[in-house]
């Protein structure tokens, strides 16, 4: 099967498996895992922050970052289709005690003006306190859209003026960096905390990282313990993340090319609606409303031809390219689409 459901379904390469096998380990709860320590130092430097902390997942990283930068009863501002809103189980409400002020974005991008308008007036006891803006880069539900650095800079100015912190859900930050040539540190310097994920485009079996200033990392570390996130000889998987940083970053450009090629082919299919110009990185959403088929119909038919995808809603389908999919696989998928849509 050619699996286009997500870039989370990748399996460790042989080189990564060897790195995991050879990993030097210790008890990370006692700060004694040398491989984790190296990874944390590496990521802190990569993102231009004072410190970084290993966490089990991107969801955990986002949750702990929000908790470290807010107080119960606060309000966070974020785009309405962002991962924190859609896919994190309401954790910010349950464990952080904050509510969300959701803004409709243009391809997942919110503007400085929208953020300024959303900040609550200070001193009115009827309102929650606006304390944090969260930005997802790249944006999962918006075709892997890249957040423009110019907008990030201006939003930072608004936050500084209004006294708000900023957090970046950078699960696929390396995709944004490879696609634009903008360094991860340049993106990250406008944020008080940043997460980066190793189990998506980078192809590791698990793990994410939170990067921030030293005091924030201490707070995140305390809350990691609170949610049961302390792990022991975790260097086995930290070694996979280090290997990914060494070997799987530049190759993300291949995933982007494959996604663009797939999007261009889909745009020529009868009844399929997609603008290839909206594909910034490795995520492709397309609409099948005019095809006479539902999203589930298309997914089932394509599975019968050896290609797996995800239905997102009644009429939207998602495909994601990754290191487990090569150019020949995309050729096969395009041929299968041609059969399904009768091109």
C-alpha atoms as a PDB file:
ATOM      1  CA  UNK A   1       0.000   0.000   0.000  1.00  0.00           C
ATOM      2  CA  UNK A   2       1.051   3.570  -0.723  1.00  0.00           C
ATOM      3  CA  UNK A   3       0.119   5.336   2.510  1.00  0.00           C
ATOM      4  CA  UNK A   4      -0.702   9.031   2.094  1.00  0.00           C
ATOM      5  CA  UNK A   5      -2.773   9.371   5.266  1.00  0.00           C
ATOM      6  CA  UNK A   6      -0.122  11.294   7.220  1.00  0.00           C
ATOM      7  CA  UNK A   7       3.593  11.889   7.621  1.00  0.00           C
ATOM      8  CA  UNK A   8       3.239  10.275  11.058  1.00  0.00           C
ATOM      9  CA  UNK A   9       3.075   6.773   9.560  1.00  0.00           C
ATOM     10  CA  UNK A  10       6.752   6.709   8.534  1.00  0.00           C
ATOM     11  CA  UNK A  11       8.955   3.958   9.932  1.00  0.00           C
ATOM     12  CA  UNK A  12      12.564   4.334  11.084  1.00  0.00           C
ATOM     13  CA  UNK A  13      15.122   3.905   8.318  1.00  0.00           C
ATOM     14  CA  UNK A  14      17.903   1.367   8.723  1.00  0.00           C
ATOM     15  CA  UNK A  15      20.336   4.119   9.667  1.00  0.00           C
ATOM     16  CA  UNK A  16      17.923   5.440  12.274  1.00  0.00           C
ATOM     17  CA  UNK A  17      17.380   1.956  13.713  1.00  0.00           C
ATOM     18  CA  UNK A  18      21.137   1.514  14.081  1.00  0.00           C
ATOM     19  CA  UNK A  19      21.422   4.886  15.821  1.00  0.00           C
ATOM     20  CA  UNK A  20      18.675   3.799  18.234  1.00  0.00           C
ATOM     21  CA  UNK A  21      20.398   0.462  18.883  1.00  0.00           C
ATOM     22  CA  UNK A  22      23.726   2.146  19.596  1.00  0.00           C
ATOM     23  CA  UNK A  23      22.293   4.950  21.742  1.00  0.00           C
ATOM     24  CA  UNK A  24      23.975   5.709  25.041  1.00  0.00           C
ATOM     25  CA  UNK A  25      21.248   5.974  27.677  1.00  0.00           C
ATOM     26  CA  UNK A  26      20.643   6.924  31.299  1.00  0.00           C
ATOM     27  CA  UNK A  27      17.764   7.971  33.536  1.00  0.00           C
ATOM     28  CA  UNK A  28      16.377  11.180  32.043  1.00  0.00           C
ATOM     29  CA  UNK A  29      14.308  11.944  35.153  1.00  0.00           C
ATOM     30  CA  UNK A  30      17.679  12.349  36.906  1.00  0.00           C
ATOM     31  CA  UNK A  31      19.013  14.350  33.920  1.00  0.00           C
ATOM     32  CA  UNK A  32      21.375  11.426  33.249  1.00  0.00           C
ATOM     33  CA  UNK A  33      20.495  10.407  29.713  1.00  0.00           C
ATOM     34  CA  UNK A  34      23.409  11.747  27.633  1.00  0.00           C
ATOM     35  CA  UNK A  35      21.607  11.308  24.306  1.00  0.00           C
ATOM     36  CA  UNK A  36      18.582  13.286  25.492  1.00  0.00           C
ATOM     37  CA  UNK A  37      20.888  15.958  26.882  1.00  0.00           C
ATOM     38  CA  UNK A  38      22.667  16.250  23.522  1.00  0.00           C
ATOM     39  CA  UNK A  39      19.369  16.489  21.690  1.00  0.00           C
ATOM     40  CA  UNK A  40      18.081  19.196  24.016  1.00  0.00           C
ATOM     41  CA  UNK A  41      21.250  21.233  23.565  1.00  0.00           C
ATOM     42  CA  UNK A  42      21.087  20.718  19.798  1.00  0.00           C
ATOM     43  CA  UNK A  43      17.474  21.875  19.540  1.00  0.00           C
ATOM     44  CA  UNK A  44      18.005  24.864  21.834  1.00  0.00           C
ATOM     45  CA  UNK A  45      20.806  25.988  19.530  1.00  0.00           C
ATOM     46  CA  UNK A  46      18.780  25.205  16.388  1.00  0.00           C
ATOM     47  CA  UNK A  47      15.879  27.342  17.599  1.00  0.00           C
ATOM     48  CA  UNK A  48      17.987  30.045  19.217  1.00  0.00           C
ATOM     49  CA  UNK A  49      16.633  29.488  22.723  1.00  0.00           C
ATOM     50  CA  UNK A  50      18.279  29.161  26.134  1.00  0.00           C
ATOM     51  CA  UNK A  51      16.926  25.686  26.721  1.00  0.00           C
ATOM     52  CA  UNK A  52      14.842  22.828  25.376  1.00  0.00           C
ATOM     53  CA  UNK A  53      13.001  19.885  26.921  1.00  0.00           C
ATOM     54  CA  UNK A  54      12.091  16.473  25.496  1.00  0.00           C
ATOM     55  CA  UNK A  55       8.360  15.643  25.589  1.00  0.00           C
ATOM     56  CA  UNK A  56       6.450  12.627  24.379  1.00  0.00           C
ATOM     57  CA  UNK A  57       4.397  14.369  21.693  1.00  0.00           C
ATOM     58  CA  UNK A  58       3.558  17.652  20.024  1.00  0.00           C
ATOM     59  CA  UNK A  59       0.241  17.740  21.869  1.00  0.00           C
ATOM     60  CA  UNK A  60       2.069  17.447  25.182  1.00  0.00           C
ATOM     61  CA  UNK A  61       4.499  20.162  24.134  1.00  0.00           C
ATOM     62  CA  UNK A  62       1.710  22.564  23.214  1.00  0.00           C
ATOM     63  CA  UNK A  63      -0.206  21.804  26.402  1.00  0.00           C
ATOM     64  CA  UNK A  64       2.801  22.372  28.666  1.00  0.00           C
ATOM     65  CA  UNK A  65       3.763  25.564  26.834  1.00  0.00           C
ATOM     66  CA  UNK A  66       0.269  27.012  27.220  1.00  0.00           C
ATOM     67  CA  UNK A  67       0.218  26.046  30.893  1.00  0.00           C
ATOM     68  CA  UNK A  68       3.624  27.619  31.506  1.00  0.00           C
ATOM     69  CA  UNK A  69       2.627  30.925  29.873  1.00  0.00           C
ATOM     70  CA  UNK A  70      -0.913  31.376  31.237  1.00  0.00           C
ATOM     71  CA  UNK A  71      -2.959  31.321  34.440  1.00  0.00           C
ATOM     72  CA  UNK A  72      -6.333  29.621  34.971  1.00  0.00           C
ATOM     73  CA  UNK A  73      -9.098  31.925  33.735  1.00  0.00           C
ATOM     74  CA  UNK A  74      -6.940  33.440  30.983  1.00  0.00           C
ATOM     75  CA  UNK A  75      -7.838  33.494  27.319  1.00  0.00           C
ATOM     76  CA  UNK A  76      -5.572  32.441  24.463  1.00  0.00           C
ATOM     77  CA  UNK A  77      -5.913  33.764  20.901  1.00  0.00           C
ATOM     78  CA  UNK A  78      -5.432  31.421  17.961  1.00  0.00           C
ATOM     79  CA  UNK A  79      -6.650  30.551  14.466  1.00  0.00           C
ATOM     80  CA  UNK A  80      -9.935  28.646  14.509  1.00  0.00           C
ATOM     81  CA  UNK A  81      -8.685  25.571  12.590  1.00  0.00           C
ATOM     82  CA  UNK A  82      -5.395  25.209  14.442  1.00  0.00           C
ATOM     83  CA  UNK A  83      -4.216  21.903  15.885  1.00  0.00           C
ATOM     84  CA  UNK A  84      -4.667  23.063  19.487  1.00  0.00           C
ATOM     85  CA  UNK A  85      -8.334  23.716  18.739  1.00  0.00           C
ATOM     86  CA  UNK A  86      -9.099  20.624  16.684  1.00  0.00           C
ATOM     87  CA  UNK A  87      -6.872  17.751  17.704  1.00  0.00           C
ATOM     88  CA  UNK A  88      -5.715  18.079  21.303  1.00  0.00           C
ATOM     89  CA  UNK A  89      -8.734  16.828  23.219  1.00  0.00           C
ATOM     90  CA  UNK A  90      -9.596  20.098  24.930  1.00  0.00           C
ATOM     91  CA  UNK A  91      -6.471  19.779  27.063  1.00  0.00           C
ATOM     92  CA  UNK A  92      -5.985  23.516  27.425  1.00  0.00           C
ATOM     93  CA  UNK A  93      -9.415  23.752  29.049  1.00  0.00           C
ATOM     94  CA  UNK A  94      -9.021  20.678  31.256  1.00  0.00           C
ATOM     95  CA  UNK A  95      -5.423  21.132  32.424  1.00  0.00           C
ATOM     96  CA  UNK A  96      -4.680  24.819  31.874  1.00  0.00           C
ATOM     97  CA  UNK A  97      -8.066  26.290  32.750  1.00  0.00           C
ATOM     98  CA  UNK A  98      -7.972  28.705  29.819  1.00  0.00           C
ATOM     99  CA  UNK A  99     -10.508  29.456  27.138  1.00  0.00           C
ATOM    100  CA  UNK A 100      -9.886  30.008  23.441  1.00  0.00           C
ATOM    101  CA  UNK A 101     -10.609  33.111  21.400  1.00  0.00           C
ATOM    102  CA  UNK A 102     -10.704  31.655  17.892  1.00  0.00           C
ATOM    103  CA  UNK A 103     -10.058  33.839  14.849  1.00  0.00           C
ATOM    104  CA  UNK A 104     -10.933  32.879  11.258  1.00  0.00           C
ATOM    105  CA  UNK A 105      -7.736  32.958   9.247  1.00  0.00           C
ATOM    106  CA  UNK A 106      -6.949  33.153   5.547  1.00  0.00           C
ATOM    107  CA  UNK A 107      -5.365  29.761   4.813  1.00  0.00           C
ATOM    108  CA  UNK A 108      -4.630  29.485   8.519  1.00  0.00           C
ATOM    109  CA  UNK A 109      -2.998  32.909   8.750  1.00  0.00           C
ATOM    110  CA  UNK A 110      -4.299  35.484  11.222  1.00  0.00           C
ATOM    111  CA  UNK A 111      -3.368  39.134  10.848  1.00  0.00           C
ATOM    112  CA  UNK A 112      -1.889  41.560  13.372  1.00  0.00           C
ATOM    113  CA  UNK A 113      -5.097  43.594  13.166  1.00  0.00           C
ATOM    114  CA  UNK A 114      -7.210  40.563  14.037  1.00  0.00           C
ATOM    115  CA  UNK A 115      -5.014  39.832  17.030  1.00  0.00           C
ATOM    116  CA  UNK A 116      -5.188  43.425  18.237  1.00  0.00           C
ATOM    117  CA  UNK A 117      -8.976  43.426  17.933  1.00  0.00           C
ATOM    118  CA  UNK A 118      -9.217  40.144  19.864  1.00  0.00           C
ATOM    119  CA  UNK A 119      -7.231  41.304  22.904  1.00  0.00           C
ATOM    120  CA  UNK A 120      -9.574  41.957  25.814  1.00  0.00           C
ATOM    121  CA  UNK A 121      -9.727  45.382  27.416  1.00  0.00           C
ATOM    122  CA  UNK A 122      -7.550  45.540  30.513  1.00  0.00           C
ATOM    123  CA  UNK A 123      -9.258  46.309  33.821  1.00  0.00           C
ATOM    124  CA  UNK A 124     -12.763  45.108  32.978  1.00  0.00           C
ATOM    125  CA  UNK A 125     -13.633  42.365  35.461  1.00  0.00           C
ATOM    126  CA  UNK A 126     -16.208  40.901  33.072  1.00  0.00           C
ATOM    127  CA  UNK A 127     -13.502  39.756  30.644  1.00  0.00           C
ATOM    128  CA  UNK A 128     -10.908  37.016  30.856  1.00  0.00           C
ATOM    129  CA  UNK A 129      -7.301  38.153  30.649  1.00  0.00           C
ATOM    130  CA  UNK A 130      -5.769  37.865  27.194  1.00  0.00           C
ATOM    131  CA  UNK A 131      -2.360  36.338  27.843  1.00  0.00           C
ATOM    132  CA  UNK A 132      -1.125  34.290  24.869  1.00  0.00           C
ATOM    133  CA  UNK A 133      -1.234  34.074  21.073  1.00  0.00           C
ATOM    134  CA  UNK A 134      -0.627  30.649  19.508  1.00  0.00           C
ATOM    135  CA  UNK A 135       0.441  30.273  15.870  1.00  0.00           C
ATOM    136  CA  UNK A 136       0.785  26.971  13.999  1.00  0.00           C
ATOM    137  CA  UNK A 137       3.591  26.809  11.438  1.00  0.00           C
ATOM    138  CA  UNK A 138       3.033  24.999   9.132  1.00  0.00           C
ATOM    139  CA  UNK A 139      -0.749  24.800   9.394  1.00  0.00           C
ATOM    140  CA  UNK A 140      -2.019  21.230   9.282  1.00  0.00           C
ATOM    141  CA  UNK A 141      -5.622  21.821   8.185  1.00  0.00           C
ATOM    142  CA  UNK A 142      -4.683  24.459   5.591  1.00  0.00           C
ATOM    143  CA  UNK A 143      -2.549  22.442   3.163  1.00  0.00           C
ATOM    144  CA  UNK A 144       0.582  22.806   5.278  1.00  0.00           C
ATOM    145  CA  UNK A 145       0.441  26.594   4.870  1.00  0.00           C
ATOM    146  CA  UNK A 146       3.499  28.567   5.949  1.00  0.00           C
ATOM    147  CA  UNK A 147       2.971  31.520   8.269  1.00  0.00           C
ATOM    148  CA  UNK A 148       4.534  34.644   6.707  1.00  0.00           C
ATOM    149  CA  UNK A 149       7.426  35.904   8.788  1.00  0.00           C
ATOM    150  CA  UNK A 150       6.304  39.493   8.175  1.00  0.00           C
ATOM    151  CA  UNK A 151       2.971  38.782   9.890  1.00  0.00           C
ATOM    152  CA  UNK A 152       4.703  37.011  12.765  1.00  0.00           C
ATOM    153  CA  UNK A 153       6.898  40.061  13.354  1.00  0.00           C
ATOM    154  CA  UNK A 154       3.907  42.422  13.397  1.00  0.00           C
ATOM    155  CA  UNK A 155       1.911  40.146  15.705  1.00  0.00           C
ATOM    156  CA  UNK A 156       4.896  40.142  18.046  1.00  0.00           C
ATOM    157  CA  UNK A 157       4.745  43.940  18.143  1.00  0.00           C
ATOM    158  CA  UNK A 158       1.047  43.809  19.051  1.00  0.00           C
ATOM    159  CA  UNK A 159       1.761  41.274  21.796  1.00  0.00           C
ATOM    160  CA  UNK A 160       4.565  43.394  23.208  1.00  0.00           C
ATOM    161  CA  UNK A 161       2.304  46.437  23.284  1.00  0.00           C
ATOM    162  CA  UNK A 162      -0.547  44.505  24.921  1.00  0.00           C
ATOM    163  CA  UNK A 163       1.516  42.364  27.283  1.00  0.00           C
ATOM    164  CA  UNK A 164       0.841  38.976  25.678  1.00  0.00           C
ATOM    165  CA  UNK A 165       3.230  36.051  25.206  1.00  0.00           C
ATOM    166  CA  UNK A 166       3.503  34.040  21.977  1.00  0.00           C
ATOM    167  CA  UNK A 167       3.747  30.284  21.405  1.00  0.00           C
ATOM    168  CA  UNK A 168       4.489  28.545  18.108  1.00  0.00           C
ATOM    169  CA  UNK A 169       3.180  25.067  17.402  1.00  0.00           C
ATOM    170  CA  UNK A 170       6.105  24.259  15.148  1.00  0.00           C
ATOM    171  CA  UNK A 171       5.391  20.555  14.681  1.00  0.00           C
ATOM    172  CA  UNK A 172       6.335  20.959  11.010  1.00  0.00           C
ATOM    173  CA  UNK A 173       8.595  23.984  11.437  1.00  0.00           C
ATOM    174  CA  UNK A 174      11.395  22.280   9.516  1.00  0.00           C
ATOM    175  CA  UNK A 175       9.079  22.007   6.503  1.00  0.00           C
ATOM    176  CA  UNK A 176       8.542  25.767   6.636  1.00  0.00           C
ATOM    177  CA  UNK A 177      12.261  26.404   6.973  1.00  0.00           C
ATOM    178  CA  UNK A 178      13.222  24.143   4.056  1.00  0.00           C
ATOM    179  CA  UNK A 179      10.496  25.607   1.831  1.00  0.00           C
ATOM    180  CA  UNK A 180      11.389  29.258   2.523  1.00  0.00           C
ATOM    181  CA  UNK A 181      15.093  29.171   3.347  1.00  0.00           C
ATOM    182  CA  UNK A 182      14.302  31.013   6.600  1.00  0.00           C
ATOM    183  CA  UNK A 183      16.178  29.462   9.518  1.00  0.00           C
ATOM    184  CA  UNK A 184      14.261  27.839  12.375  1.00  0.00           C
ATOM    185  CA  UNK A 185      15.943  30.293  14.753  1.00  0.00           C
ATOM    186  CA  UNK A 186      14.682  33.277  12.753  1.00  0.00           C
ATOM    187  CA  UNK A 187      11.112  31.982  12.930  1.00  0.00           C
ATOM    188  CA  UNK A 188      11.474  31.105  16.606  1.00  0.00           C
ATOM    189  CA  UNK A 189      12.967  34.332  17.934  1.00  0.00           C
ATOM    190  CA  UNK A 190       9.581  36.068  17.950  1.00  0.00           C
ATOM    191  CA  UNK A 191       8.044  33.438  20.252  1.00  0.00           C
ATOM    192  CA  UNK A 192       8.326  32.827  23.985  1.00  0.00           C
ATOM    193  CA  UNK A 193       8.012  29.075  23.438  1.00  0.00           C
ATOM    194  CA  UNK A 194       8.274  26.817  20.407  1.00  0.00           C
ATOM    195  CA  UNK A 195       7.516  23.146  19.844  1.00  0.00           C
ATOM    196  CA  UNK A 196       9.101  20.986  17.161  1.00  0.00           C
ATOM    197  CA  UNK A 197       8.034  17.408  16.347  1.00  0.00           C
ATOM    198  CA  UNK A 198      10.287  14.544  15.226  1.00  0.00           C
ATOM    199  CA  UNK A 199       7.596  11.966  14.402  1.00  0.00           C
ATOM    200  CA  UNK A 200       6.114  13.733  11.373  1.00  0.00           C
ATOM    201  CA  UNK A 201       8.180  14.787   8.371  1.00  0.00           C
ATOM    202  CA  UNK A 202      11.436  14.012  10.156  1.00  0.00           C
ATOM    203  CA  UNK A 203      10.466  10.357  10.394  1.00  0.00           C
ATOM    204  CA  UNK A 204      11.345   9.438  13.996  1.00  0.00           C
ATOM    205  CA  UNK A 205       9.046   7.003  15.841  1.00  0.00           C
ATOM    206  CA  UNK A 206       8.105   9.450  18.603  1.00  0.00           C
ATOM    207  CA  UNK A 207       8.982  12.623  20.439  1.00  0.00           C
ATOM    208  CA  UNK A 208       8.827  16.400  20.361  1.00  0.00           C
ATOM    209  CA  UNK A 209      10.693  19.257  21.999  1.00  0.00           C
ATOM    210  CA  UNK A 210       9.751  22.500  23.726  1.00  0.00           C
ATOM    211  CA  UNK A 211      12.274  25.330  23.442  1.00  0.00           C
ATOM    212  CA  UNK A 212      12.151  28.566  25.446  1.00  0.00           C
ATOM    213  CA  UNK A 213      14.113  30.703  27.881  1.00  0.00           C
ATOM    214  CA  UNK A 214      15.609  29.015  30.918  1.00  0.00           C
ATOM    215  CA  UNK A 215      12.866  29.968  33.388  1.00  0.00           C
ATOM    216  CA  UNK A 216      10.062  28.876  31.070  1.00  0.00           C
ATOM    217  CA  UNK A 217      11.774  25.532  30.468  1.00  0.00           C
ATOM    218  CA  UNK A 218      11.991  25.004  34.244  1.00  0.00           C
ATOM    219  CA  UNK A 219       8.241  25.609  34.463  1.00  0.00           C
ATOM    220  CA  UNK A 220       7.550  23.321  31.507  1.00  0.00           C
ATOM    221  CA  UNK A 221       9.708  20.650  33.155  1.00  0.00           C
ATOM    222  CA  UNK A 222       7.662  20.857  36.357  1.00  0.00           C
ATOM    223  CA  UNK A 223       4.415  20.531  34.452  1.00  0.00           C
ATOM    224  CA  UNK A 224       5.808  17.637  32.398  1.00  0.00           C
ATOM    225  CA  UNK A 225       6.196  15.779  35.682  1.00  0.00           C
ATOM    226  CA  UNK A 226       2.667  16.780  36.696  1.00  0.00           C
ATOM    227  CA  UNK A 227       1.133  15.121  33.615  1.00  0.00           C
ATOM    228  CA  UNK A 228       3.290  12.011  33.949  1.00  0.00           C
ATOM    229  CA  UNK A 229       5.647  12.899  31.137  1.00  0.00           C
ATOM    230  CA  UNK A 230       8.920  11.989  32.817  1.00  0.00           C
ATOM    231  CA  UNK A 231      10.656   9.075  31.072  1.00  0.00           C
ATOM    232  CA  UNK A 232      13.682   6.995  31.896  1.00  0.00           C
ATOM    233  CA  UNK A 233      16.128   5.616  29.286  1.00  0.00           C
ATOM    234  CA  UNK A 234      14.528   7.701  26.565  1.00  0.00           C
ATOM    235  CA  UNK A 235      17.829   8.177  24.740  1.00  0.00           C
ATOM    236  CA  UNK A 236      16.821   5.240  22.543  1.00  0.00           C
ATOM    237  CA  UNK A 237      14.272   7.443  20.779  1.00  0.00           C
ATOM    238  CA  UNK A 238      16.194  10.690  21.264  1.00  0.00           C
ATOM    239  CA  UNK A 239      18.880   9.070  19.113  1.00  0.00           C
ATOM    240  CA  UNK A 240      16.289   8.704  16.361  1.00  0.00           C
ATOM    241  CA  UNK A 241      15.528  12.421  16.596  1.00  0.00           C
ATOM    242  CA  UNK A 242      19.216  13.313  16.384  1.00  0.00           C
ATOM    243  CA  UNK A 243      19.580  11.072  13.350  1.00  0.00           C
ATOM    244  CA  UNK A 244      16.568  12.766  11.771  1.00  0.00           C
ATOM    245  CA  UNK A 245      18.095  16.207  12.257  1.00  0.00           C
ATOM    246  CA  UNK A 246      21.291  14.998  10.600  1.00  0.00           C
ATOM    247  CA  UNK A 247      19.745  13.100   7.688  1.00  0.00           C
ATOM    248  CA  UNK A 248      16.073  13.924   7.130  1.00  0.00           C
ATOM    249  CA  UNK A 249      15.832  17.710   7.021  1.00  0.00           C
ATOM    250  CA  UNK A 250      17.110  18.597   3.549  1.00  0.00           C
ATOM    251  CA  UNK A 251      15.137  15.750   1.999  1.00  0.00           C
ATOM    252  CA  UNK A 252      11.863  17.462   3.055  1.00  0.00           C
ATOM    253  CA  UNK A 253      12.190  19.347  -0.239  1.00  0.00           C
ATOM    254  CA  UNK A 254      11.450  16.039  -2.004  1.00  0.00           C
ATOM    255  CA  UNK A 255       8.183  15.725  -0.081  1.00  0.00           C
ATOM    256  CA  UNK A 256       7.226  19.252  -1.122  1.00  0.00           C
ATOM    257  CA  UNK A 257       7.927  18.480  -4.795  1.00  0.00           C
ATOM    258  CA  UNK A 258       5.860  15.302  -4.604  1.00  0.00           C
ATOM    259  CA  UNK A 259       2.972  17.177  -2.982  1.00  0.00           C
ATOM    260  CA  UNK A 260       3.027  19.878  -5.674  1.00  0.00           C
ATOM    261  CA  UNK A 261       3.115  17.272  -8.419  1.00  0.00           C
ATOM    262  CA  UNK A 262       0.177  15.423  -6.886  1.00  0.00           C
ATOM    263  CA  UNK A 263      -1.797  18.670  -6.487  1.00  0.00           C
ATOM    264  CA  UNK A 264      -1.175  19.672 -10.110  1.00  0.00           C
ATOM    265  CA  UNK A 265      -2.397  16.279 -11.317  1.00  0.00           C
ATOM    266  CA  UNK A 266      -5.494  16.427  -9.104  1.00  0.00           C
ATOM    267  CA  UNK A 267      -6.344  19.881 -10.437  1.00  0.00           C
ATOM    268  CA  UNK A 268      -6.804  18.274 -13.880  1.00  0.00           C
ATOM    269  CA  UNK A 269      -9.151  15.558 -12.606  1.00  0.00           C
ATOM    270  CA  UNK A 270     -12.886  15.898 -13.420  1.00  0.00           C
ATOM    271  CA  UNK A 271     -14.900  17.048 -10.412  1.00  0.00           C
ATOM    272  CA  UNK A 272     -11.870  17.746  -8.197  1.00  0.00           C
ATOM    273  CA  UNK A 273     -11.369  21.230  -6.734  1.00  0.00           C
ATOM    274  CA  UNK A 274      -7.862  22.196  -5.661  1.00  0.00           C
ATOM    275  CA  UNK A 275      -5.533  25.139  -6.249  1.00  0.00           C
ATOM    276  CA  UNK A 276      -1.943  23.854  -6.542  1.00  0.00           C
ATOM    277  CA  UNK A 277      -0.788  27.341  -5.600  1.00  0.00           C
ATOM    278  CA  UNK A 278      -2.128  26.741  -2.101  1.00  0.00           C
ATOM    279  CA  UNK A 279       0.284  23.866  -1.481  1.00  0.00           C
ATOM    280  CA  UNK A 280       3.232  25.307   0.426  1.00  0.00           C
ATOM    281  CA  UNK A 281       4.773  22.115   1.772  1.00  0.00           C
ATOM    282  CA  UNK A 282       3.716  18.451   2.036  1.00  0.00           C
ATOM    283  CA  UNK A 283      -0.030  18.460   2.808  1.00  0.00           C
ATOM    284  CA  UNK A 284      -2.674  18.291   0.072  1.00  0.00           C
ATOM    285  CA  UNK A 285      -6.399  18.761   0.660  1.00  0.00           C
ATOM    286  CA  UNK A 286      -8.851  18.516  -2.235  1.00  0.00           C
ATOM    287  CA  UNK A 287     -12.623  18.775  -2.587  1.00  0.00           C
ATOM    288  CA  UNK A 288     -14.718  16.196  -4.465  1.00  0.00           C
ATOM    289  CA  UNK A 289     -18.134  17.879  -4.288  1.00  0.00           C
ATOM    290  CA  UNK A 290     -18.466  18.164  -8.071  1.00  0.00           C
ATOM    291  CA  UNK A 291     -17.291  14.602  -8.746  1.00  0.00           C
ATOM    292  CA  UNK A 292     -20.522  12.903  -7.745  1.00  0.00           C
ATOM    293  CA  UNK A 293     -18.639  10.987  -5.056  1.00  0.00           C
ATOM    294  CA  UNK A 294     -18.221  11.566  -1.342  1.00  0.00           C
ATOM    295  CA  UNK A 295     -14.828  11.792   0.311  1.00  0.00           C
ATOM    296  CA  UNK A 296     -15.399   8.339   1.801  1.00  0.00           C
ATOM    297  CA  UNK A 297     -16.269   6.930  -1.642  1.00  0.00           C
ATOM    298  CA  UNK A 298     -12.987   8.238  -3.040  1.00  0.00           C
ATOM    299  CA  UNK A 299     -10.951   6.959  -0.111  1.00  0.00           C
ATOM    300  CA  UNK A 300     -12.486   3.472  -0.338  1.00  0.00           C
ATOM    301  CA  UNK A 301     -11.995   3.266  -4.104  1.00  0.00           C
ATOM    302  CA  UNK A 302      -8.409   4.454  -3.847  1.00  0.00           C
ATOM    303  CA  UNK A 303      -7.689   1.941  -1.073  1.00  0.00           C
ATOM    304  CA  UNK A 304      -8.884  -0.761  -3.449  1.00  0.00           C
ATOM    305  CA  UNK A 305      -6.182   0.419  -5.837  1.00  0.00           C
ATOM    306  CA  UNK A 306      -3.484   0.351  -3.181  1.00  0.00           C
ATOM    307  CA  UNK A 307      -3.465   4.003  -2.095  1.00  0.00           C
ATOM    308  CA  UNK A 308      -4.487   5.047   1.428  1.00  0.00           C
ATOM    309  CA  UNK A 309      -5.779   8.553   2.273  1.00  0.00           C
ATOM    310  CA  UNK A 310      -7.971  10.249   4.879  1.00  0.00           C
ATOM    311  CA  UNK A 311     -11.483  11.657   4.433  1.00  0.00           C
ATOM    312  CA  UNK A 312     -11.792  15.001   6.220  1.00  0.00           C
ATOM    313  CA  UNK A 313     -15.478  15.798   6.311  1.00  0.00           C
ATOM    314  CA  UNK A 314     -18.009  14.668   3.724  1.00  0.00           C
ATOM    315  CA  UNK A 315     -16.303  16.113   0.670  1.00  0.00           C
ATOM    316  CA  UNK A 316     -12.655  16.802   1.578  1.00  0.00           C
ATOM    317  CA  UNK A 317      -9.760  14.360   1.260  1.00  0.00           C
ATOM    318  CA  UNK A 318      -6.250  14.699   2.681  1.00  0.00           C
ATOM    319  CA  UNK A 319      -2.996  13.346   1.268  1.00  0.00           C
ATOM    320  CA  UNK A 320       0.391  13.873   2.912  1.00  0.00           C
ATOM    321  CA  UNK A 321       3.771  13.145   1.331  1.00  0.00           C
ATOM    322  CA  UNK A 322       6.672  11.879   3.426  1.00  0.00           C
ATOM    323  CA  UNK A 323       9.901   9.888   3.382  1.00  0.00           C
ATOM    324  CA  UNK A 324       7.938   6.660   2.880  1.00  0.00           C
ATOM    325  CA  UNK A 325       6.653   7.886  -0.494  1.00  0.00           C
ATOM    326  CA  UNK A 326       8.823   8.435  -3.575  1.00  0.00           C
ATOM    327  CA  UNK A 327       8.216   9.841  -7.064  1.00  0.00           C
ATOM    328  CA  UNK A 328       7.205   6.443  -8.438  1.00  0.00           C
ATOM    329  CA  UNK A 329       4.599   6.098  -5.681  1.00  0.00           C
ATOM    330  CA  UNK A 330       3.156   9.465  -6.682  1.00  0.00           C
ATOM    331  CA  UNK A 331       2.996   8.266 -10.318  1.00  0.00           C
ATOM    332  CA  UNK A 332       1.056   5.207  -9.147  1.00  0.00           C
ATOM    333  CA  UNK A 333      -1.296   7.330  -7.044  1.00  0.00           C
ATOM    334  CA  UNK A 334      -1.974   9.710  -9.952  1.00  0.00           C
ATOM    335  CA  UNK A 335      -2.820   6.766 -12.219  1.00  0.00           C
ATOM    336  CA  UNK A 336      -5.220   5.449  -9.566  1.00  0.00           C
ATOM    337  CA  UNK A 337      -6.869   8.862  -9.261  1.00  0.00           C
ATOM    338  CA  UNK A 338      -7.330   8.941 -13.037  1.00  0.00           C
ATOM    339  CA  UNK A 339      -9.237   5.652 -12.841  1.00  0.00           C
ATOM    340  CA  UNK A 340     -11.375   6.785  -9.890  1.00  0.00           C
ATOM    341  CA  UNK A 341     -12.323  10.135 -11.429  1.00  0.00           C
ATOM    342  CA  UNK A 342     -12.600   8.814 -14.983  1.00  0.00           C
ATOM    343  CA  UNK A 343     -10.012  11.074 -16.551  1.00  0.00           C
END
